[in-house]
């Protein structure tokens, strides 16, 4: 499991959460260079 910092909705419960990759980003996550995948390590906005 890949973790990142918690979004504002979860931060009161825990300081990290799983990375959730949007469908539009699947190709970058699965087939792109490591740098492109690394940019996806961010809290889910909603």
PDB file of N, CA and C in Angstrom:
ATOM      1  N   UNK A   1       0.846  -1.163   0.000  1.00  0.00           N
ATOM      2  CA  UNK A   1       0.000   0.000   0.000  1.00  0.00           C
ATOM      3  C   UNK A   1       0.898   1.235   0.000  1.00  0.00           C
ATOM      4  N   UNK A   2       0.532   2.213  -0.786  1.00  0.00           N
ATOM      5  CA  UNK A   2       1.276   3.468  -0.864  1.00  0.00           C
ATOM      6  C   UNK A   2       0.504   4.516  -0.076  1.00  0.00           C
ATOM      7  N   UNK A   3       1.195   5.175   0.835  1.00  0.00           N
ATOM      8  CA  UNK A   3       0.549   6.152   1.713  1.00  0.00           C
ATOM      9  C   UNK A   3       1.054   7.568   1.397  1.00  0.00           C
ATOM     10  N   UNK A   4       0.236   8.547   1.743  1.00  0.00           N
ATOM     11  CA  UNK A   4       0.586   9.954   1.620  1.00  0.00           C
ATOM     12  C   UNK A   4       0.023  10.689   2.831  1.00  0.00           C
ATOM     13  N   UNK A   5       0.274  11.979   2.906  1.00  0.00           N
ATOM     14  CA  UNK A   5      -0.280  12.750   4.015  1.00  0.00           C
ATOM     15  C   UNK A   5      -1.809  12.751   3.914  1.00  0.00           C
ATOM     16  N   UNK A   6      -2.468  12.921   5.024  1.00  0.00           N
ATOM     17  CA  UNK A   6      -3.929  12.884   5.057  1.00  0.00           C
ATOM     18  C   UNK A   6      -4.540  14.147   4.471  1.00  0.00           C
ATOM     19  N   UNK A   7      -5.699  13.983   3.846  1.00  0.00           N
ATOM     20  CA  UNK A   7      -6.444  15.152   3.386  1.00  0.00           C
ATOM     21  C   UNK A   7      -7.092  15.807   4.607  1.00  0.00           C
ATOM     22  N   UNK A   8      -7.666  16.970   4.422  1.00  0.00           N
ATOM     23  CA  UNK A   8      -8.213  17.712   5.562  1.00  0.00           C
ATOM     24  C   UNK A   8      -9.355  16.971   6.248  1.00  0.00           C
ATOM     25  N   UNK A   9     -10.048  16.095   5.518  1.00  0.00           N
ATOM     26  CA  UNK A   9     -11.181  15.372   6.085  1.00  0.00           C
ATOM     27  C   UNK A   9     -10.739  14.224   6.991  1.00  0.00           C
ATOM     28  N   UNK A  10      -9.524  13.742   6.814  1.00  0.00           N
ATOM     29  CA  UNK A  10      -9.020  12.593   7.564  1.00  0.00           C
ATOM     30  C   UNK A  10      -7.993  13.006   8.618  1.00  0.00           C
ATOM     31  N   UNK A  11      -7.421  14.173   8.482  1.00  0.00           N
ATOM     32  CA  UNK A  11      -6.308  14.598   9.327  1.00  0.00           C
ATOM     33  C   UNK A  11      -6.614  14.535  10.829  1.00  0.00           C
ATOM     34  N   UNK A  12      -7.862  14.745  11.217  1.00  0.00           N
ATOM     35  CA  UNK A  12      -8.213  14.665  12.643  1.00  0.00           C
ATOM     36  C   UNK A  12      -8.188  13.225  13.153  1.00  0.00           C
ATOM     37  N   UNK A  13      -8.296  12.264  12.250  1.00  0.00           N
ATOM     38  CA  UNK A  13      -8.331  10.854  12.625  1.00  0.00           C
ATOM     39  C   UNK A  13      -6.948  10.225  12.508  1.00  0.00           C
ATOM     40  N   UNK A  14      -6.239  10.553  11.420  1.00  0.00           N
ATOM     41  CA  UNK A  14      -4.928   9.948  11.185  1.00  0.00           C
ATOM     42  C   UNK A  14      -4.095  10.895  10.337  1.00  0.00           C
ATOM     43  N   UNK A  15      -2.772  10.793  10.431  1.00  0.00           N
ATOM     44  CA  UNK A  15      -1.904  11.719   9.707  1.00  0.00           C
ATOM     45  C   UNK A  15      -1.531  11.251   8.297  1.00  0.00           C
ATOM     46  N   UNK A  16      -2.025  10.097   7.875  1.00  0.00           N
ATOM     47  CA  UNK A  16      -1.749   9.631   6.518  1.00  0.00           C
ATOM     48  C   UNK A  16      -2.927   8.817   6.004  1.00  0.00           C
ATOM     49  N   UNK A  17      -2.932   8.611   4.698  1.00  0.00           N
ATOM     50  CA  UNK A  17      -4.002   7.862   4.051  1.00  0.00           C
ATOM     51  C   UNK A  17      -3.459   7.208   2.792  1.00  0.00           C
ATOM     52  N   UNK A  18      -4.147   6.210   2.260  1.00  0.00           N
ATOM     53  CA  UNK A  18      -3.683   5.580   1.028  1.00  0.00           C
ATOM     54  C   UNK A  18      -3.717   6.565  -0.139  1.00  0.00           C
ATOM     55  N   UNK A  19      -2.796   6.404  -1.055  1.00  0.00           N
ATOM     56  CA  UNK A  19      -2.828   7.186  -2.291  1.00  0.00           C
ATOM     57  C   UNK A  19      -3.993   6.658  -3.128  1.00  0.00           C
ATOM     58  N   UNK A  20      -4.843   7.553  -3.590  1.00  0.00           N
ATOM     59  CA  UNK A  20      -5.963   7.191  -4.461  1.00  0.00           C
ATOM     60  C   UNK A  20      -5.658   7.775  -5.830  1.00  0.00           C
ATOM     61  N   UNK A  21      -5.500   6.905  -6.801  1.00  0.00           N
ATOM     62  CA  UNK A  21      -5.121   7.332  -8.146  1.00  0.00           C
ATOM     63  C   UNK A  21      -6.379   7.458  -9.001  1.00  0.00           C
ATOM     64  N   UNK A  22      -6.610   8.657  -9.527  1.00  0.00           N
ATOM     65  CA  UNK A  22      -7.763   8.875 -10.401  1.00  0.00           C
ATOM     66  C   UNK A  22      -7.596   8.077 -11.693  1.00  0.00           C
ATOM     67  N   UNK A  23      -8.693   7.685 -12.276  1.00  0.00           N
ATOM     68  CA  UNK A  23      -8.664   6.900 -13.513  1.00  0.00           C
ATOM     69  C   UNK A  23      -7.855   7.609 -14.605  1.00  0.00           C
ATOM     70  N   UNK A  24      -7.968   8.914 -14.689  1.00  0.00           N
ATOM     71  CA  UNK A  24      -7.222   9.677 -15.702  1.00  0.00           C
ATOM     72  C   UNK A  24      -5.713   9.557 -15.522  1.00  0.00           C
ATOM     73  N   UNK A  25      -5.266   9.190 -14.335  1.00  0.00           N
ATOM     74  CA  UNK A  25      -3.833   9.098 -14.038  1.00  0.00           C
ATOM     75  C   UNK A  25      -3.295   7.669 -14.066  1.00  0.00           C
ATOM     76  N   UNK A  26      -4.121   6.691 -14.373  1.00  0.00           N
ATOM     77  CA  UNK A  26      -3.689   5.291 -14.328  1.00  0.00           C
ATOM     78  C   UNK A  26      -2.504   5.003 -15.244  1.00  0.00           C
ATOM     79  N   UNK A  27      -2.500   5.572 -16.441  1.00  0.00           N
ATOM     80  CA  UNK A  27      -1.398   5.301 -17.381  1.00  0.00           C
ATOM     81  C   UNK A  27      -0.088   5.840 -16.809  1.00  0.00           C
ATOM     82  N   UNK A  28      -0.109   7.052 -16.261  1.00  0.00           N
ATOM     83  CA  UNK A  28       1.106   7.603 -15.645  1.00  0.00           C
ATOM     84  C   UNK A  28       1.554   6.736 -14.477  1.00  0.00           C
ATOM     85  N   UNK A  29       0.615   6.263 -13.679  1.00  0.00           N
ATOM     86  CA  UNK A  29       0.928   5.450 -12.504  1.00  0.00           C
ATOM     87  C   UNK A  29       1.523   4.105 -12.902  1.00  0.00           C
ATOM     88  N   UNK A  30       0.921   3.460 -13.886  1.00  0.00           N
ATOM     89  CA  UNK A  30       1.302   2.099 -14.240  1.00  0.00           C
ATOM     90  C   UNK A  30       2.408   1.993 -15.288  1.00  0.00           C
ATOM     91  N   UNK A  31       2.450   2.948 -16.218  1.00  0.00           N
ATOM     92  CA  UNK A  31       3.365   2.818 -17.346  1.00  0.00           C
ATOM     93  C   UNK A  31       4.349   3.970 -17.493  1.00  0.00           C
ATOM     94  N   UNK A  32       4.146   5.035 -16.758  1.00  0.00           N
ATOM     95  CA  UNK A  32       4.998   6.204 -16.901  1.00  0.00           C
ATOM     96  C   UNK A  32       6.296   6.077 -16.132  1.00  0.00           C
ATOM     97  N   UNK A  33       7.164   7.053 -16.296  1.00  0.00           N
ATOM     98  CA  UNK A  33       8.422   7.052 -15.547  1.00  0.00           C
ATOM     99  C   UNK A  33       8.163   7.279 -14.063  1.00  0.00           C
ATOM    100  N   UNK A  34       9.086   6.847 -13.218  1.00  0.00           N
ATOM    101  CA  UNK A  34       8.899   7.013 -11.768  1.00  0.00           C
ATOM    102  C   UNK A  34       8.610   8.455 -11.355  1.00  0.00           C
ATOM    103  N   UNK A  35       9.207   9.420 -12.037  1.00  0.00           N
ATOM    104  CA  UNK A  35       8.955  10.818 -11.684  1.00  0.00           C
ATOM    105  C   UNK A  35       7.491  11.195 -11.882  1.00  0.00           C
ATOM    106  N   UNK A  36       6.874  10.681 -12.944  1.00  0.00           N
ATOM    107  CA  UNK A  36       5.456  10.979 -13.197  1.00  0.00           C
ATOM    108  C   UNK A  36       4.587  10.332 -12.128  1.00  0.00           C
ATOM    109  N   UNK A  37       4.896   9.104 -11.761  1.00  0.00           N
ATOM    110  CA  UNK A  37       4.130   8.430 -10.709  1.00  0.00           C
ATOM    111  C   UNK A  37       4.316   9.144  -9.373  1.00  0.00           C
ATOM    112  N   UNK A  38       5.514   9.629  -9.106  1.00  0.00           N
ATOM    113  CA  UNK A  38       5.785  10.329  -7.855  1.00  0.00           C
ATOM    114  C   UNK A  38       4.948  11.576  -7.679  1.00  0.00           C
ATOM    115  N   UNK A  39       4.561  12.211  -8.778  1.00  0.00           N
ATOM    116  CA  UNK A  39       3.721  13.407  -8.694  1.00  0.00           C
ATOM    117  C   UNK A  39       2.302  13.083  -8.238  1.00  0.00           C
ATOM    118  N   UNK A  40       1.938  11.802  -8.286  1.00  0.00           N
ATOM    119  CA  UNK A  40       0.596  11.396  -7.887  1.00  0.00           C
ATOM    120  C   UNK A  40       0.494  11.105  -6.389  1.00  0.00           C
ATOM    121  N   UNK A  41       1.577  11.197  -5.676  1.00  0.00           N
ATOM    122  CA  UNK A  41       1.585  10.987  -4.215  1.00  0.00           C
ATOM    123  C   UNK A  41       1.083  12.258  -3.561  1.00  0.00           C
ATOM    124  N   UNK A  42      -0.213  12.414  -3.505  1.00  0.00           N
ATOM    125  CA  UNK A  42      -0.801  13.612  -2.904  1.00  0.00           C
ATOM    126  C   UNK A  42      -2.133  13.246  -2.281  1.00  0.00           C
ATOM    127  N   UNK A  43      -2.589  13.997  -1.324  1.00  0.00           N
ATOM    128  CA  UNK A  43      -3.895  13.713  -0.731  1.00  0.00           C
ATOM    129  C   UNK A  43      -4.999  13.849  -1.777  1.00  0.00           C
ATOM    130  N   UNK A  44      -5.991  12.985  -1.686  1.00  0.00           N
ATOM    131  CA  UNK A  44      -7.124  13.075  -2.601  1.00  0.00           C
ATOM    132  C   UNK A  44      -7.889  14.356  -2.278  1.00  0.00           C
ATOM    133  N   UNK A  45      -8.211  15.162  -3.271  1.00  0.00           N
ATOM    134  CA  UNK A  45      -8.778  16.492  -2.989  1.00  0.00           C
ATOM    135  C   UNK A  45     -10.160  16.492  -2.339  1.00  0.00           C
ATOM    136  N   UNK A  46     -10.941  15.455  -2.551  1.00  0.00           N
ATOM    137  CA  UNK A  46     -12.271  15.480  -1.955  1.00  0.00           C
ATOM    138  C   UNK A  46     -12.467  14.239  -1.112  1.00  0.00           C
TER     139      UNK A  46
END
